């Protein structure tokens, strides 16, 4: 069963949402997730950059791989 997580209304990017959950003691920071957060943030900026959209730039996706229970789905839900 999935639970609903409410984010800070000012949290627009993945990192801000993640930090909001840490500050509200909903989750604990996991250093192993930091590189994924950086990659998701970079992908978000690329997708929302109007200059890149006008140039029809090829945008690479992101593939997450890891052991069960490491937070892959959770991080994608933040995205």
PDB file of N, CA and C in Angstrom:
ATOM      1  N   UNK A   1       0.841  -1.177   0.000  1.00  0.00           N
ATOM      2  CA  UNK A   1       0.000   0.000   0.000  1.00  0.00           C
ATOM      3  C   UNK A   1       0.889   1.243   0.000  1.00  0.00           C
ATOM      4  N   UNK A   2       0.619   2.179  -0.880  1.00  0.00           N
ATOM      5  CA  UNK A   2       1.393   3.411  -0.968  1.00  0.00           C
ATOM      6  C   UNK A   2       0.779   4.469  -0.072  1.00  0.00           C
ATOM      7  N   UNK A   3       1.649   5.222   0.568  1.00  0.00           N
ATOM      8  CA  UNK A   3       1.168   6.341   1.373  1.00  0.00           C
ATOM      9  C   UNK A   3       1.425   7.635   0.617  1.00  0.00           C
ATOM     10  N   UNK A   4       0.664   8.651   0.928  1.00  0.00           N
ATOM     11  CA  UNK A   4       0.818   9.943   0.292  1.00  0.00           C
ATOM     12  C   UNK A   4       1.808  10.776   1.081  1.00  0.00           C
ATOM     13  N   UNK A   5       2.771  11.354   0.372  1.00  0.00           N
ATOM     14  CA  UNK A   5       3.759  12.229   1.003  1.00  0.00           C
ATOM     15  C   UNK A   5       3.476  13.638   0.535  1.00  0.00           C
ATOM     16  N   UNK A   6       3.359  14.543   1.464  1.00  0.00           N
ATOM     17  CA  UNK A   6       3.121  15.943   1.131  1.00  0.00           C
ATOM     18  C   UNK A   6       4.443  16.701   1.171  1.00  0.00           C
ATOM     19  N   UNK A   7       4.682  17.490   0.123  1.00  0.00           N
ATOM     20  CA  UNK A   7       5.915  18.254   0.020  1.00  0.00           C
ATOM     21  C   UNK A   7       5.675  19.694   0.405  1.00  0.00           C
ATOM     22  N   UNK A   8       6.749  20.336   0.772  1.00  0.00           N
ATOM     23  CA  UNK A   8       6.730  21.769   1.002  1.00  0.00           C
ATOM     24  C   UNK A   8       6.289  22.428  -0.312  1.00  0.00           C
ATOM     25  N   UNK A   9       5.376  23.364  -0.245  1.00  0.00           N
ATOM     26  CA  UNK A   9       4.841  24.011  -1.445  1.00  0.00           C
ATOM     27  C   UNK A   9       5.925  24.729  -2.242  1.00  0.00           C
ATOM     28  N   UNK A  10       7.000  25.142  -1.586  1.00  0.00           N
ATOM     29  CA  UNK A  10       8.093  25.844  -2.258  1.00  0.00           C
ATOM     30  C   UNK A  10       9.098  24.886  -2.886  1.00  0.00           C
ATOM     31  N   UNK A  11       8.959  23.607  -2.645  1.00  0.00           N
ATOM     32  CA  UNK A  11       9.918  22.619  -3.142  1.00  0.00           C
ATOM     33  C   UNK A  11       9.588  22.258  -4.589  1.00  0.00           C
ATOM     34  N   UNK A  12      10.277  22.893  -5.531  1.00  0.00           N
ATOM     35  CA  UNK A  12       9.996  22.674  -6.944  1.00  0.00           C
ATOM     36  C   UNK A  12      10.937  21.668  -7.586  1.00  0.00           C
ATOM     37  N   UNK A  13      12.141  21.542  -7.077  1.00  0.00           N
ATOM     38  CA  UNK A  13      13.082  20.613  -7.693  1.00  0.00           C
ATOM     39  C   UNK A  13      13.240  19.372  -6.821  1.00  0.00           C
ATOM     40  N   UNK A  14      13.809  18.346  -7.411  1.00  0.00           N
ATOM     41  CA  UNK A  14      13.956  17.060  -6.741  1.00  0.00           C
ATOM     42  C   UNK A  14      14.742  17.200  -5.440  1.00  0.00           C
ATOM     43  N   UNK A  15      15.851  17.941  -5.489  1.00  0.00           N
ATOM     44  CA  UNK A  15      16.679  18.107  -4.284  1.00  0.00           C
ATOM     45  C   UNK A  15      15.904  18.819  -3.184  1.00  0.00           C
ATOM     46  N   UNK A  16      15.139  19.839  -3.548  1.00  0.00           N
ATOM     47  CA  UNK A  16      14.354  20.571  -2.543  1.00  0.00           C
ATOM     48  C   UNK A  16      13.309  19.668  -1.897  1.00  0.00           C
ATOM     49  N   UNK A  17      12.670  18.823  -2.701  1.00  0.00           N
ATOM     50  CA  UNK A  17      11.677  17.888  -2.152  1.00  0.00           C
ATOM     51  C   UNK A  17      12.341  16.906  -1.196  1.00  0.00           C
ATOM     52  N   UNK A  18      13.496  16.394  -1.600  1.00  0.00           N
ATOM     53  CA  UNK A  18      14.249  15.442  -0.779  1.00  0.00           C
ATOM     54  C   UNK A  18      14.656  16.097   0.546  1.00  0.00           C
ATOM     55  N   UNK A  19      15.205  17.309   0.470  1.00  0.00           N
ATOM     56  CA  UNK A  19      15.625  18.018   1.677  1.00  0.00           C
ATOM     57  C   UNK A  19      14.438  18.359   2.573  1.00  0.00           C
ATOM     58  N   UNK A  20      13.300  18.677   1.974  1.00  0.00           N
ATOM     59  CA  UNK A  20      12.094  18.959   2.744  1.00  0.00           C
ATOM     60  C   UNK A  20      11.676  17.737   3.557  1.00  0.00           C
ATOM     61  N   UNK A  21      11.754  16.560   2.952  1.00  0.00           N
ATOM     62  CA  UNK A  21      11.399  15.329   3.658  1.00  0.00           C
ATOM     63  C   UNK A  21      12.383  15.039   4.796  1.00  0.00           C
ATOM     64  N   UNK A  22      13.648  15.345   4.578  1.00  0.00           N
ATOM     65  CA  UNK A  22      14.648  15.157   5.636  1.00  0.00           C
ATOM     66  C   UNK A  22      14.386  16.128   6.782  1.00  0.00           C
ATOM     67  N   UNK A  23      14.156  17.394   6.449  1.00  0.00           N
ATOM     68  CA  UNK A  23      13.921  18.409   7.475  1.00  0.00           C
ATOM     69  C   UNK A  23      12.672  18.115   8.298  1.00  0.00           C
ATOM     70  N   UNK A  24      11.676  17.513   7.680  1.00  0.00           N
ATOM     71  CA  UNK A  24      10.443  17.160   8.387  1.00  0.00           C
ATOM     72  C   UNK A  24      10.529  15.784   9.038  1.00  0.00           C
ATOM     73  N   UNK A  25      11.724  15.195   9.028  1.00  0.00           N
ATOM     74  CA  UNK A  25      12.014  13.904   9.654  1.00  0.00           C
ATOM     75  C   UNK A  25      11.121  12.780   9.127  1.00  0.00           C
ATOM     76  N   UNK A  26      10.787  12.862   7.851  1.00  0.00           N
ATOM     77  CA  UNK A  26      10.007  11.809   7.208  1.00  0.00           C
ATOM     78  C   UNK A  26      10.949  10.717   6.701  1.00  0.00           C
ATOM     79  N   UNK A  27      12.125  11.141   6.217  1.00  0.00           N
ATOM     80  CA  UNK A  27      13.158  10.201   5.786  1.00  0.00           C
ATOM     81  C   UNK A  27      14.492  10.629   6.381  1.00  0.00           C
ATOM     82  N   UNK A  28      15.476   9.731   6.280  1.00  0.00           N
ATOM     83  CA  UNK A  28      16.847  10.061   6.672  1.00  0.00           C
ATOM     84  C   UNK A  28      17.677  10.177   5.398  1.00  0.00           C
ATOM     85  N   UNK A  29      18.646  11.071   5.434  1.00  0.00           N
ATOM     86  CA  UNK A  29      19.524  11.259   4.280  1.00  0.00           C
ATOM     87  C   UNK A  29      20.321   9.984   4.024  1.00  0.00           C
ATOM     88  N   UNK A  30      20.388   9.597   2.769  1.00  0.00           N
ATOM     89  CA  UNK A  30      21.171   8.437   2.349  1.00  0.00           C
ATOM     90  C   UNK A  30      22.232   8.936   1.375  1.00  0.00           C
ATOM     91  N   UNK A  31      23.503   8.975   1.787  1.00  0.00           N
ATOM     92  CA  UNK A  31      24.562   9.495   0.906  1.00  0.00           C
ATOM     93  C   UNK A  31      24.643   8.766  -0.436  1.00  0.00           C
ATOM     94  N   UNK A  32      24.243   7.505  -0.477  1.00  0.00           N
ATOM     95  CA  UNK A  32      24.289   6.739  -1.732  1.00  0.00           C
ATOM     96  C   UNK A  32      23.302   7.287  -2.754  1.00  0.00           C
ATOM     97  N   UNK A  33      22.297   8.021  -2.320  1.00  0.00           N
ATOM     98  CA  UNK A  33      21.287   8.558  -3.237  1.00  0.00           C
ATOM     99  C   UNK A  33      21.688   9.919  -3.808  1.00  0.00           C
ATOM    100  N   UNK A  34      22.751  10.507  -3.297  1.00  0.00           N
ATOM    101  CA  UNK A  34      23.130  11.860  -3.716  1.00  0.00           C
ATOM    102  C   UNK A  34      23.433  11.951  -5.205  1.00  0.00           C
ATOM    103  N   UNK A  35      24.157  10.986  -5.764  1.00  0.00           N
ATOM    104  CA  UNK A  35      24.484  11.047  -7.194  1.00  0.00           C
ATOM    105  C   UNK A  35      23.225  10.919  -8.054  1.00  0.00           C
ATOM    106  N   UNK A  36      22.252  10.139  -7.578  1.00  0.00           N
ATOM    107  CA  UNK A  36      20.986  10.015  -8.306  1.00  0.00           C
ATOM    108  C   UNK A  36      20.230  11.339  -8.246  1.00  0.00           C
ATOM    109  N   UNK A  37      20.223  11.975  -7.077  1.00  0.00           N
ATOM    110  CA  UNK A  37      19.565  13.277  -6.952  1.00  0.00           C
ATOM    111  C   UNK A  37      20.191  14.290  -7.898  1.00  0.00           C
ATOM    112  N   UNK A  38      21.528  14.290  -7.984  1.00  0.00           N
ATOM    113  CA  UNK A  38      22.223  15.207  -8.890  1.00  0.00           C
ATOM    114  C   UNK A  38      21.839  14.937 -10.346  1.00  0.00           C
ATOM    115  N   UNK A  39      21.793  13.650 -10.723  1.00  0.00           N
ATOM    116  CA  UNK A  39      21.442  13.284 -12.097  1.00  0.00           C
ATOM    117  C   UNK A  39      19.992  13.649 -12.420  1.00  0.00           C
ATOM    118  N   UNK A  40      19.085  13.408 -11.482  1.00  0.00           N
ATOM    119  CA  UNK A  40      17.678  13.765 -11.699  1.00  0.00           C
ATOM    120  C   UNK A  40      17.505  15.273 -11.805  1.00  0.00           C
ATOM    121  N   UNK A  41      18.233  16.007 -10.988  1.00  0.00           N
ATOM    122  CA  UNK A  41      18.151  17.466 -11.042  1.00  0.00           C
ATOM    123  C   UNK A  41      18.666  17.986 -12.382  1.00  0.00           C
ATOM    124  N   UNK A  42      19.758  17.413 -12.849  1.00  0.00           N
ATOM    125  CA  UNK A  42      20.317  17.798 -14.142  1.00  0.00           C
ATOM    126  C   UNK A  42      19.338  17.476 -15.274  1.00  0.00           C
ATOM    127  N   UNK A  43      18.727  16.302 -15.229  1.00  0.00           N
ATOM    128  CA  UNK A  43      17.742  15.915 -16.240  1.00  0.00           C
ATOM    129  C   UNK A  43      16.540  16.861 -16.210  1.00  0.00           C
ATOM    130  N   UNK A  44      16.075  17.195 -15.014  1.00  0.00           N
ATOM    131  CA  UNK A  44      14.938  18.122 -14.879  1.00  0.00           C
ATOM    132  C   UNK A  44      15.266  19.476 -15.502  1.00  0.00           C
ATOM    133  N   UNK A  45      16.460  19.987 -15.215  1.00  0.00           N
ATOM    134  CA  UNK A  45      16.855  21.281 -15.779  1.00  0.00           C
ATOM    135  C   UNK A  45      16.957  21.218 -17.297  1.00  0.00           C
ATOM    136  N   UNK A  46      17.458  20.108 -17.815  1.00  0.00           N
ATOM    137  CA  UNK A  46      17.562  19.939 -19.266  1.00  0.00           C
ATOM    138  C   UNK A  46      16.183  19.901 -19.906  1.00  0.00           C
ATOM    139  N   UNK A  47      15.257  19.178 -19.291  1.00  0.00           N
ATOM    140  CA  UNK A  47      13.907  19.053 -19.849  1.00  0.00           C
ATOM    141  C   UNK A  47      13.117  20.352 -19.791  1.00  0.00           C
ATOM    142  N   UNK A  48      13.410  21.184 -18.806  1.00  0.00           N
ATOM    143  CA  UNK A  48      12.634  22.414 -18.633  1.00  0.00           C
ATOM    144  C   UNK A  48      13.336  23.649 -19.180  1.00  0.00           C
ATOM    145  N   UNK A  49      14.522  23.496 -19.752  1.00  0.00           N
ATOM    146  CA  UNK A  49      15.265  24.626 -20.310  1.00  0.00           C
ATOM    147  C   UNK A  49      14.677  24.998 -21.667  1.00  0.00           C
ATOM    148  N   UNK A  50      14.066  26.179 -21.786  1.00  0.00           N
ATOM    149  CA  UNK A  50      13.420  26.551 -23.054  1.00  0.00           C
ATOM    150  C   UNK A  50      14.416  26.675 -24.212  1.00  0.00           C
ATOM    151  N   UNK A  51      15.672  27.013 -23.939  1.00  0.00           N
ATOM    152  CA  UNK A  51      16.665  27.139 -25.001  1.00  0.00           C
ATOM    153  C   UNK A  51      16.973  25.782 -25.630  1.00  0.00           C
ATOM    154  N   UNK A  52      17.048  24.742 -24.819  1.00  0.00           N
ATOM    155  CA  UNK A  52      17.326  23.403 -25.342  1.00  0.00           C
ATOM    156  C   UNK A  52      16.120  22.859 -26.104  1.00  0.00           C
ATOM    157  N   UNK A  53      14.928  23.228 -25.690  1.00  0.00           N
ATOM    158  CA  UNK A  53      13.730  22.760 -26.383  1.00  0.00           C
ATOM    159  C   UNK A  53      13.639  23.375 -27.777  1.00  0.00           C
ATOM    160  N   UNK A  54      14.059  24.624 -27.917  1.00  0.00           N
ATOM    161  CA  UNK A  54      14.000  25.285 -29.217  1.00  0.00           C
ATOM    162  C   UNK A  54      14.992  24.680 -30.203  1.00  0.00           C
ATOM    163  N   UNK A  55      16.140  24.191 -29.695  1.00  0.00           N
ATOM    164  CA  UNK A  55      17.174  23.637 -30.573  1.00  0.00           C
ATOM    165  C   UNK A  55      16.909  22.177 -30.918  1.00  0.00           C
ATOM    166  N   UNK A  56      15.874  21.604 -30.363  1.00  0.00           N
ATOM    167  CA  UNK A  56      15.557  20.190 -30.608  1.00  0.00           C
ATOM    168  C   UNK A  56      16.738  19.296 -30.229  1.00  0.00           C
ATOM    169  N   UNK A  57      17.340  19.562 -29.090  1.00  0.00           N
ATOM    170  CA  UNK A  57      18.490  18.790 -28.631  1.00  0.00           C
ATOM    171  C   UNK A  57      18.064  17.395 -28.201  1.00  0.00           C
ATOM    172  N   UNK A  58      18.926  16.447 -28.455  1.00  0.00           N
ATOM    173  CA  UNK A  58      18.694  15.090 -28.001  1.00  0.00           C
ATOM    174  C   UNK A  58      18.908  15.052 -26.486  1.00  0.00           C
ATOM    175  N   UNK A  59      17.916  14.573 -25.778  1.00  0.00           N
ATOM    176  CA  UNK A  59      17.998  14.511 -24.325  1.00  0.00           C
ATOM    177  C   UNK A  59      18.140  13.058 -23.905  1.00  0.00           C
ATOM    178  N   UNK A  60      19.234  12.765 -23.236  1.00  0.00           N
ATOM    179  CA  UNK A  60      19.447  11.408 -22.735  1.00  0.00           C
ATOM    180  C   UNK A  60      18.592  11.176 -21.506  1.00  0.00           C
ATOM    181  N   UNK A  61      18.114   9.971 -21.367  1.00  0.00           N
ATOM    182  CA  UNK A  61      17.338   9.609 -20.195  1.00  0.00           C
ATOM    183  C   UNK A  61      18.243   9.198 -19.052  1.00  0.00           C
ATOM    184  N   UNK A  62      17.657   8.557 -18.081  1.00  0.00           N
ATOM    185  CA  UNK A  62      18.396   8.146 -16.897  1.00  0.00           C
ATOM    186  C   UNK A  62      17.951   6.737 -16.539  1.00  0.00           C
ATOM    187  N   UNK A  63      18.899   5.855 -16.315  1.00  0.00           N
ATOM    188  CA  UNK A  63      18.610   4.480 -15.932  1.00  0.00           C
ATOM    189  C   UNK A  63      19.110   4.261 -14.520  1.00  0.00           C
ATOM    190  N   UNK A  64      18.226   3.843 -13.630  1.00  0.00           N
ATOM    191  CA  UNK A  64      18.616   3.584 -12.242  1.00  0.00           C
ATOM    192  C   UNK A  64      18.744   2.087 -12.030  1.00  0.00           C
ATOM    193  N   UNK A  65      19.840   1.695 -11.441  1.00  0.00           N
ATOM    194  CA  UNK A  65      20.104   0.296 -11.168  1.00  0.00           C
ATOM    195  C   UNK A  65      20.632   0.176  -9.755  1.00  0.00           C
ATOM    196  N   UNK A  66      20.179  -0.809  -9.040  1.00  0.00           N
ATOM    197  CA  UNK A  66      20.671  -1.029  -7.683  1.00  0.00           C
ATOM    198  C   UNK A  66      19.893  -2.135  -7.006  1.00  0.00           C
ATOM    199  N   UNK A  67      20.333  -2.441  -5.808  1.00  0.00           N
ATOM    200  CA  UNK A  67      19.695  -3.501  -5.041  1.00  0.00           C
ATOM    201  C   UNK A  67      18.285  -3.093  -4.609  1.00  0.00           C
ATOM    202  N   UNK A  68      17.509  -4.083  -4.269  1.00  0.00           N
ATOM    203  CA  UNK A  68      16.152  -3.864  -3.785  1.00  0.00           C
ATOM    204  C   UNK A  68      16.203  -3.062  -2.481  1.00  0.00           C
ATOM    205  N   UNK A  69      15.298  -2.092  -2.373  1.00  0.00           N
ATOM    206  CA  UNK A  69      15.183  -1.338  -1.128  1.00  0.00           C
ATOM    207  C   UNK A  69      16.114  -0.149  -1.000  1.00  0.00           C
ATOM    208  N   UNK A  70      16.767   0.253  -2.084  1.00  0.00           N
ATOM    209  CA  UNK A  70      17.709   1.370  -2.016  1.00  0.00           C
ATOM    210  C   UNK A  70      17.055   2.721  -2.296  1.00  0.00           C
ATOM    211  N   UNK A  71      15.793   2.733  -2.726  1.00  0.00           N
ATOM    212  CA  UNK A  71      15.080   3.995  -2.922  1.00  0.00           C
ATOM    213  C   UNK A  71      14.970   4.447  -4.356  1.00  0.00           C
ATOM    214  N   UNK A  72      15.177   3.558  -5.316  1.00  0.00           N
ATOM    215  CA  UNK A  72      15.089   3.939  -6.725  1.00  0.00           C
ATOM    216  C   UNK A  72      13.703   4.466  -7.083  1.00  0.00           C
ATOM    217  N   UNK A  73      12.686   3.725  -6.750  1.00  0.00           N
ATOM    218  CA  UNK A  73      11.313   4.141  -7.052  1.00  0.00           C
ATOM    219  C   UNK A  73      10.954   5.403  -6.289  1.00  0.00           C
ATOM    220  N   UNK A  74      11.371   5.497  -5.052  1.00  0.00           N
ATOM    221  CA  UNK A  74      11.108   6.676  -4.243  1.00  0.00           C
ATOM    222  C   UNK A  74      11.712   7.919  -4.895  1.00  0.00           C
ATOM    223  N   UNK A  75      12.954   7.834  -5.345  1.00  0.00           N
ATOM    224  CA  UNK A  75      13.589   8.986  -5.998  1.00  0.00           C
ATOM    225  C   UNK A  75      12.898   9.341  -7.301  1.00  0.00           C
ATOM    226  N   UNK A  76      12.446   8.347  -8.045  1.00  0.00           N
ATOM    227  CA  UNK A  76      11.712   8.633  -9.280  1.00  0.00           C
ATOM    228  C   UNK A  76      10.368   9.303  -8.969  1.00  0.00           C
ATOM    229  N   UNK A  77       9.739   8.896  -7.883  1.00  0.00           N
ATOM    230  CA  UNK A  77       8.481   9.541  -7.465  1.00  0.00           C
ATOM    231  C   UNK A  77       8.708  11.003  -7.111  1.00  0.00           C
ATOM    232  N   UNK A  78       9.872  11.324  -6.574  1.00  0.00           N
ATOM    233  CA  UNK A  78      10.198  12.731  -6.274  1.00  0.00           C
ATOM    234  C   UNK A  78      10.339  13.530  -7.550  1.00  0.00           C
ATOM    235  N   UNK A  79      10.777  12.871  -8.609  1.00  0.00           N
ATOM    236  CA  UNK A  79      11.012  13.528  -9.903  1.00  0.00           C
ATOM    237  C   UNK A  79       9.687  13.928 -10.506  1.00  0.00           C
TER     238      UNK A  79
END
